[in-house]
Amino acid sequence: MNINWKQKLTSRKFWAAITGFITALLVTFGVDNMTTEQVVGVVTAAATLIAYIIGEGMVDAARGNGDESGNE
């Protein structure tokens, strides 16, 4: 089974699932609300950054191959 990590890491559904899973774990282990909010914020920020970097890399790669469909 081959996993397309570029597609996974740029998927909003994937990051929503990760965030939901982490939130559920924090609640299960009785972590206070402030810490839970901070962890969810960090995961969301990291997901946004990763998706942006991979997306821009894909656009740059397409430009390098002569495909001018990418926008800045």
PDB file of N, CA and C in Angstrom:
ATOM      1  N   MET A   1       0.849  -1.178   0.000  1.00  0.00           N
ATOM      2  CA  MET A   1       0.000   0.000   0.000  1.00  0.00           C
ATOM      3  C   MET A   1       0.894   1.241   0.000  1.00  0.00           C
ATOM      4  N   ASN A   2       0.707   2.082  -0.992  1.00  0.00           N
ATOM      5  CA  ASN A   2       1.514   3.282  -1.145  1.00  0.00           C
ATOM      6  C   ASN A   2       0.695   4.506  -0.724  1.00  0.00           C
ATOM      7  N   ILE A   3       1.186   5.266   0.232  1.00  0.00           N
ATOM      8  CA  ILE A   3       0.477   6.447   0.734  1.00  0.00           C
ATOM      9  C   ILE A   3       1.037   7.684   0.051  1.00  0.00           C
ATOM     10  N   ASN A   4       0.156   8.505  -0.499  1.00  0.00           N
ATOM     11  CA  ASN A   4       0.551   9.760  -1.133  1.00  0.00           C
ATOM     12  C   ASN A   4       0.619  10.833  -0.040  1.00  0.00           C
ATOM     13  N   TRP A   5       1.824  11.020   0.538  1.00  0.00           N
ATOM     14  CA  TRP A   5       1.971  11.928   1.673  1.00  0.00           C
ATOM     15  C   TRP A   5       1.746  13.378   1.298  1.00  0.00           C
ATOM     16  N   LYS A   6       2.088  13.766   0.067  1.00  0.00           N
ATOM     17  CA  LYS A   6       1.831  15.147  -0.349  1.00  0.00           C
ATOM     18  C   LYS A   6       0.340  15.444  -0.265  1.00  0.00           C
ATOM     19  N   GLN A   7      -0.461  14.523  -0.762  1.00  0.00           N
ATOM     20  CA  GLN A   7      -1.909  14.709  -0.745  1.00  0.00           C
ATOM     21  C   GLN A   7      -2.437  14.700   0.690  1.00  0.00           C
ATOM     22  N   LYS A   8      -1.940  13.791   1.512  1.00  0.00           N
ATOM     23  CA  LYS A   8      -2.389  13.709   2.908  1.00  0.00           C
ATOM     24  C   LYS A   8      -2.054  14.984   3.674  1.00  0.00           C
ATOM     25  N   LEU A   9      -0.818  15.451   3.545  1.00  0.00           N
ATOM     26  CA  LEU A   9      -0.383  16.601   4.333  1.00  0.00           C
ATOM     27  C   LEU A   9      -1.015  17.915   3.894  1.00  0.00           C
ATOM     28  N   THR A  10      -1.586  17.950   2.701  1.00  0.00           N
ATOM     29  CA  THR A  10      -2.275  19.158   2.256  1.00  0.00           C
ATOM     30  C   THR A  10      -3.789  19.032   2.399  1.00  0.00           C
ATOM     31  N   SER A  11      -4.254  17.942   2.958  1.00  0.00           N
ATOM     32  CA  SER A  11      -5.685  17.698   3.106  1.00  0.00           C
ATOM     33  C   SER A  11      -6.228  18.314   4.400  1.00  0.00           C
ATOM     34  N   ARG A  12      -7.250  19.128   4.261  1.00  0.00           N
ATOM     35  CA  ARG A  12      -7.892  19.713   5.454  1.00  0.00           C
ATOM     36  C   ARG A  12      -8.566  18.628   6.292  1.00  0.00           C
ATOM     37  N   LYS A  13      -9.116  17.629   5.642  1.00  0.00           N
ATOM     38  CA  LYS A  13      -9.768  16.531   6.370  1.00  0.00           C
ATOM     39  C   LYS A  13      -8.761  15.778   7.238  1.00  0.00           C
ATOM     40  N   PHE A  14      -7.568  15.548   6.696  1.00  0.00           N
ATOM     41  CA  PHE A  14      -6.521  14.860   7.450  1.00  0.00           C
ATOM     42  C   PHE A  14      -6.166  15.650   8.703  1.00  0.00           C
ATOM     43  N   TRP A  15      -5.956  16.966   8.560  1.00  0.00           N
ATOM     44  CA  TRP A  15      -5.568  17.782   9.703  1.00  0.00           C
ATOM     45  C   TRP A  15      -6.719  17.942  10.693  1.00  0.00           C
ATOM     46  N   ALA A  16      -7.949  17.975  10.203  1.00  0.00           N
ATOM     47  CA  ALA A  16      -9.101  18.011  11.113  1.00  0.00           C
ATOM     48  C   ALA A  16      -9.155  16.720  11.929  1.00  0.00           C
ATOM     49  N   ALA A  17      -8.872  15.599  11.282  1.00  0.00           N
ATOM     50  CA  ALA A  17      -8.866  14.313  11.986  1.00  0.00           C
ATOM     51  C   ALA A  17      -7.751  14.267  13.025  1.00  0.00           C
ATOM     52  N   ILE A  18      -6.565  14.742  12.670  1.00  0.00           N
ATOM     53  CA  ILE A  18      -5.446  14.779  13.615  1.00  0.00           C
ATOM     54  C   ILE A  18      -5.781  15.664  14.812  1.00  0.00           C
ATOM     55  N   THR A  19      -6.320  16.852  14.529  1.00  0.00           N
ATOM     56  CA  THR A  19      -6.684  17.785  15.599  1.00  0.00           C
ATOM     57  C   THR A  19      -7.756  17.187  16.497  1.00  0.00           C
ATOM     58  N   GLY A  20      -8.760  16.562  15.907  1.00  0.00           N
ATOM     59  CA  GLY A  20      -9.817  15.920  16.692  1.00  0.00           C
ATOM     60  C   GLY A  20      -9.283  14.801  17.563  1.00  0.00           C
ATOM     61  N   PHE A  21      -8.379  14.005  17.014  1.00  0.00           N
ATOM     62  CA  PHE A  21      -7.788  12.899  17.768  1.00  0.00           C
ATOM     63  C   PHE A  21      -6.982  13.417  18.952  1.00  0.00           C
ATOM     64  N   ILE A  22      -6.152  14.416  18.713  1.00  0.00           N
ATOM     65  CA  ILE A  22      -5.335  14.980  19.789  1.00  0.00           C
ATOM     66  C   ILE A  22      -6.215  15.617  20.860  1.00  0.00           C
ATOM     67  N   THR A  23      -7.255  16.338  20.430  1.00  0.00           N
ATOM     68  CA  THR A  23      -8.176  16.956  21.391  1.00  0.00           C
ATOM     69  C   THR A  23      -8.846  15.899  22.253  1.00  0.00           C
ATOM     70  N   ALA A  24      -9.304  14.818  21.623  1.00  0.00           N
ATOM     71  CA  ALA A  24      -9.947  13.734  22.374  1.00  0.00           C
ATOM     72  C   ALA A  24      -8.983  13.113  23.384  1.00  0.00           C
ATOM     73  N   LEU A  25      -7.733  12.928  22.990  1.00  0.00           N
ATOM     74  CA  LEU A  25      -6.740  12.382  23.926  1.00  0.00           C
ATOM     75  C   LEU A  25      -6.516  13.316  25.113  1.00  0.00           C
ATOM     76  N   LEU A  26      -6.401  14.606  24.831  1.00  0.00           N
ATOM     77  CA  LEU A  26      -6.184  15.570  25.911  1.00  0.00           C
ATOM     78  C   LEU A  26      -7.352  15.594  26.888  1.00  0.00           C
ATOM     79  N   VAL A  27      -8.567  15.535  26.353  1.00  0.00           N
ATOM     80  CA  VAL A  27      -9.753  15.517  27.217  1.00  0.00           C
ATOM     81  C   VAL A  27      -9.788  14.225  28.030  1.00  0.00           C
ATOM     82  N   THR A  28      -9.472  13.103  27.387  1.00  0.00           N
ATOM     83  CA  THR A  28      -9.479  11.805  28.074  1.00  0.00           C
ATOM     84  C   THR A  28      -8.510  11.778  29.248  1.00  0.00           C
ATOM     85  N   PHE A  29      -7.363  12.399  29.067  1.00  0.00           N
ATOM     86  CA  PHE A  29      -6.364  12.389  30.128  1.00  0.00           C
ATOM     87  C   PHE A  29      -6.498  13.566  31.093  1.00  0.00           C
ATOM     88  N   GLY A  30      -7.586  14.321  30.987  1.00  0.00           N
ATOM     89  CA  GLY A  30      -7.892  15.363  31.952  1.00  0.00           C
ATOM     90  C   GLY A  30      -7.023  16.603  31.871  1.00  0.00           C
ATOM     91  N   VAL A  31      -6.500  16.887  30.696  1.00  0.00           N
ATOM     92  CA  VAL A  31      -5.685  18.083  30.520  1.00  0.00           C
ATOM     93  C   VAL A  31      -6.611  19.302  30.584  1.00  0.00           C
ATOM     94  N   ASP A  32      -6.159  20.366  31.226  1.00  0.00           N
ATOM     95  CA  ASP A  32      -7.008  21.547  31.393  1.00  0.00           C
ATOM     96  C   ASP A  32      -7.316  22.202  30.047  1.00  0.00           C
ATOM     97  N   ASN A  33      -8.390  22.978  30.024  1.00  0.00           N
ATOM     98  CA  ASN A  33      -8.882  23.586  28.783  1.00  0.00           C
ATOM     99  C   ASN A  33      -7.869  24.521  28.125  1.00  0.00           C
ATOM    100  N   MET A  34      -7.146  25.289  28.911  1.00  0.00           N
ATOM    101  CA  MET A  34      -6.179  26.234  28.352  1.00  0.00           C
ATOM    102  C   MET A  34      -5.080  25.492  27.595  1.00  0.00           C
ATOM    103  N   THR A  35      -4.563  24.450  28.187  1.00  0.00           N
ATOM    104  CA  THR A  35      -3.517  23.660  27.529  1.00  0.00           C
ATOM    105  C   THR A  35      -4.052  23.004  26.266  1.00  0.00           C
ATOM    106  N   THR A  36      -5.265  22.478  26.337  1.00  0.00           N
ATOM    107  CA  THR A  36      -5.892  21.854  25.163  1.00  0.00           C
ATOM    108  C   THR A  36      -6.020  22.865  24.029  1.00  0.00           C
ATOM    109  N   GLU A  37      -6.472  24.063  24.341  1.00  0.00           N
ATOM    110  CA  GLU A  37      -6.608  25.107  23.317  1.00  0.00           C
ATOM    111  C   GLU A  37      -5.252  25.466  22.712  1.00  0.00           C
ATOM    112  N   GLN A  38      -4.235  25.538  23.538  1.00  0.00           N
ATOM    113  CA  GLN A  38      -2.899  25.861  23.038  1.00  0.00           C
ATOM    114  C   GLN A  38      -2.358  24.763  22.119  1.00  0.00           C
ATOM    115  N   VAL A  39      -2.551  23.515  22.503  1.00  0.00           N
ATOM    116  CA  VAL A  39      -2.084  22.396  21.679  1.00  0.00           C
ATOM    117  C   VAL A  39      -2.824  22.378  20.345  1.00  0.00           C
ATOM    118  N   VAL A  40      -4.136  22.568  20.376  1.00  0.00           N
ATOM    119  CA  VAL A  40      -4.917  22.598  19.137  1.00  0.00           C
ATOM    120  C   VAL A  40      -4.454  23.762  18.255  1.00  0.00           C
ATOM    121  N   GLY A  41      -4.161  24.896  18.854  1.00  0.00           N
ATOM    122  CA  GLY A  41      -3.659  26.036  18.096  1.00  0.00           C
ATOM    123  C   GLY A  41      -2.329  25.744  17.424  1.00  0.00           C
ATOM    124  N   VAL A  42      -1.434  25.079  18.136  1.00  0.00           N
ATOM    125  CA  VAL A  42      -0.126  24.730  17.566  1.00  0.00           C
ATOM    126  C   VAL A  42      -0.289  23.731  16.422  1.00  0.00           C
ATOM    127  N   VAL A  43      -1.134  22.721  16.610  1.00  0.00           N
ATOM    128  CA  VAL A  43      -1.360  21.729  15.550  1.00  0.00           C
ATOM    129  C   VAL A  43      -1.962  22.397  14.322  1.00  0.00           C
ATOM    130  N   THR A  44      -2.924  23.277  14.521  1.00  0.00           N
ATOM    131  CA  THR A  44      -3.555  23.972  13.401  1.00  0.00           C
ATOM    132  C   THR A  44      -2.559  24.868  12.676  1.00  0.00           C
ATOM    133  N   ALA A  45      -1.739  25.580  13.418  1.00  0.00           N
ATOM    134  CA  ALA A  45      -0.726  26.441  12.805  1.00  0.00           C
ATOM    135  C   ALA A  45       0.283  25.612  12.012  1.00  0.00           C
ATOM    136  N   ALA A  46       0.716  24.501  12.577  1.00  0.00           N
ATOM    137  CA  ALA A  46       1.666  23.627  11.887  1.00  0.00           C
ATOM    138  C   ALA A  46       1.049  23.054  10.614  1.00  0.00           C
ATOM    139  N   ALA A  47      -0.210  22.656  10.693  1.00  0.00           N
ATOM    140  CA  ALA A  47      -0.898  22.112   9.515  1.00  0.00           C
ATOM    141  C   ALA A  47      -0.979  23.143   8.409  1.00  0.00           C
ATOM    142  N   THR A  48      -1.297  24.373   8.767  1.00  0.00           N
ATOM    143  CA  THR A  48      -1.375  25.447   7.774  1.00  0.00           C
ATOM    144  C   THR A  48      -0.022  25.673   7.119  1.00  0.00           C
ATOM    145  N   LEU A  49       1.026  25.727   7.910  1.00  0.00           N
ATOM    146  CA  LEU A  49       2.366  25.943   7.392  1.00  0.00           C
ATOM    147  C   LEU A  49       2.805  24.799   6.479  1.00  0.00           C
ATOM    148  N   ILE A  50       2.594  23.575   6.905  1.00  0.00           N
ATOM    149  CA  ILE A  50       2.981  22.412   6.104  1.00  0.00           C
ATOM    150  C   ILE A  50       2.229  22.388   4.785  1.00  0.00           C
ATOM    151  N   ALA A  51       0.913  22.616   4.832  1.00  0.00           N
ATOM    152  CA  ALA A  51       0.117  22.619   3.608  1.00  0.00           C
ATOM    153  C   ALA A  51       0.579  23.713   2.653  1.00  0.00           C
ATOM    154  N   TYR A  52       0.901  24.880   3.179  1.00  0.00           N
ATOM    155  CA  TYR A  52       1.368  25.986   2.341  1.00  0.00           C
ATOM    156  C   TYR A  52       2.705  25.643   1.685  1.00  0.00           C
ATOM    157  N   ILE A  53       3.640  25.129   2.463  1.00  0.00           N
ATOM    158  CA  ILE A  53       4.962  24.805   1.928  1.00  0.00           C
ATOM    159  C   ILE A  53       4.863  23.740   0.836  1.00  0.00           C
ATOM    160  N   ILE A  54       4.102  22.688   1.090  1.00  0.00           N
ATOM    161  CA  ILE A  54       3.956  21.631   0.092  1.00  0.00           C
ATOM    162  C   ILE A  54       3.224  22.151  -1.141  1.00  0.00           C
ATOM    163  N   GLY A  55       2.179  22.934  -0.927  1.00  0.00           N
ATOM    164  CA  GLY A  55       1.433  23.499  -2.053  1.00  0.00           C
ATOM    165  C   GLY A  55       2.295  24.385  -2.926  1.00  0.00           C
ATOM    166  N   GLU A  56       3.099  25.242  -2.317  1.00  0.00           N
ATOM    167  CA  GLU A  56       3.999  26.110  -3.078  1.00  0.00           C
ATOM    168  C   GLU A  56       5.077  25.302  -3.784  1.00  0.00           C
ATOM    169  N   GLY A  57       5.543  24.262  -3.144  1.00  0.00           N
ATOM    170  CA  GLY A  57       6.521  23.382  -3.787  1.00  0.00           C
ATOM    171  C   GLY A  57       5.950  22.714  -5.019  1.00  0.00           C
ATOM    172  N   MET A  58       4.688  22.302  -4.945  1.00  0.00           N
ATOM    173  CA  MET A  58       4.039  21.683  -6.092  1.00  0.00           C
ATOM    174  C   MET A  58       3.862  22.695  -7.224  1.00  0.00           C
ATOM    175  N   VAL A  59       3.509  23.928  -6.885  1.00  0.00           N
ATOM    176  CA  VAL A  59       3.368  24.985  -7.897  1.00  0.00           C
ATOM    177  C   VAL A  59       4.719  25.265  -8.550  1.00  0.00           C
ATOM    178  N   ASP A  60       5.763  25.375  -7.738  1.00  0.00           N
ATOM    179  CA  ASP A  60       7.097  25.627  -8.279  1.00  0.00           C
ATOM    180  C   ASP A  60       7.561  24.478  -9.175  1.00  0.00           C
ATOM    181  N   ALA A  61       7.275  23.250  -8.764  1.00  0.00           N
ATOM    182  CA  ALA A  61       7.653  22.090  -9.580  1.00  0.00           C
ATOM    183  C   ALA A  61       6.908  22.102 -10.905  1.00  0.00           C
ATOM    184  N   ALA A  62       5.630  22.492 -10.883  1.00  0.00           N
ATOM    185  CA  ALA A  62       4.849  22.555 -12.116  1.00  0.00           C
ATOM    186  C   ALA A  62       5.416  23.628 -13.041  1.00  0.00           C
ATOM    187  N   ARG A  63       5.825  24.753 -12.480  1.00  0.00           N
ATOM    188  CA  ARG A  63       6.435  25.810 -13.293  1.00  0.00           C
ATOM    189  C   ARG A  63       7.740  25.335 -13.916  1.00  0.00           C
ATOM    190  N   GLY A  64       8.493  24.571 -13.173  1.00  0.00           N
ATOM    191  CA  GLY A  64       9.763  24.047 -13.681  1.00  0.00           C
ATOM    192  C   GLY A  64       9.577  23.073 -14.833  1.00  0.00           C
ATOM    193  N   ASN A  65       8.402  22.448 -14.883  1.00  0.00           N
ATOM    194  CA  ASN A  65       8.105  21.503 -15.953  1.00  0.00           C
ATOM    195  C   ASN A  65       7.423  22.164 -17.136  1.00  0.00           C
ATOM    196  N   GLY A  66       7.345  23.485 -17.136  1.00  0.00           N
ATOM    197  CA  GLY A  66       6.745  24.204 -18.266  1.00  0.00           C
ATOM    198  C   GLY A  66       5.268  24.436 -18.130  1.00  0.00           C
ATOM    199  N   ASP A  67       4.665  24.063 -16.997  1.00  0.00           N
ATOM    200  CA  ASP A  67       3.236  24.282 -16.761  1.00  0.00           C
ATOM    201  C   ASP A  67       3.074  25.635 -16.100  1.00  0.00           C
ATOM    202  N   GLU A  68       2.472  26.568 -16.771  1.00  0.00           N
ATOM    203  CA  GLU A  68       2.325  27.938 -16.244  1.00  0.00           C
ATOM    204  C   GLU A  68       0.976  28.143 -15.562  1.00  0.00           C
ATOM    205  N   SER A  69       0.313  27.070 -15.107  1.00  0.00           N
ATOM    206  CA  SER A  69      -1.015  27.201 -14.509  1.00  0.00           C
ATOM    207  C   SER A  69      -0.963  27.637 -13.045  1.00  0.00           C
ATOM    208  N   GLY A  70       0.192  27.593 -12.397  1.00  0.00           N
ATOM    209  CA  GLY A  70       0.296  27.960 -10.980  1.00  0.00           C
ATOM    210  C   GLY A  70       0.201  29.467 -10.786  1.00  0.00           C
ATOM    211  N   ASN A  71      -0.481  29.860  -9.710  1.00  0.00           N
ATOM    212  CA  ASN A  71      -0.605  31.280  -9.370  1.00  0.00           C
ATOM    213  C   ASN A  71       0.206  31.578  -8.136  1.00  0.00           C
ATOM    214  N   GLU A  72       0.681  32.798  -8.020  1.00  0.00           N
ATOM    215  CA  GLU A  72       1.391  33.202  -6.801  1.00  0.00           C
ATOM    216  C   GLU A  72       0.455  33.928  -5.901  1.00  0.00           C
TER     217      GLU A  72
END
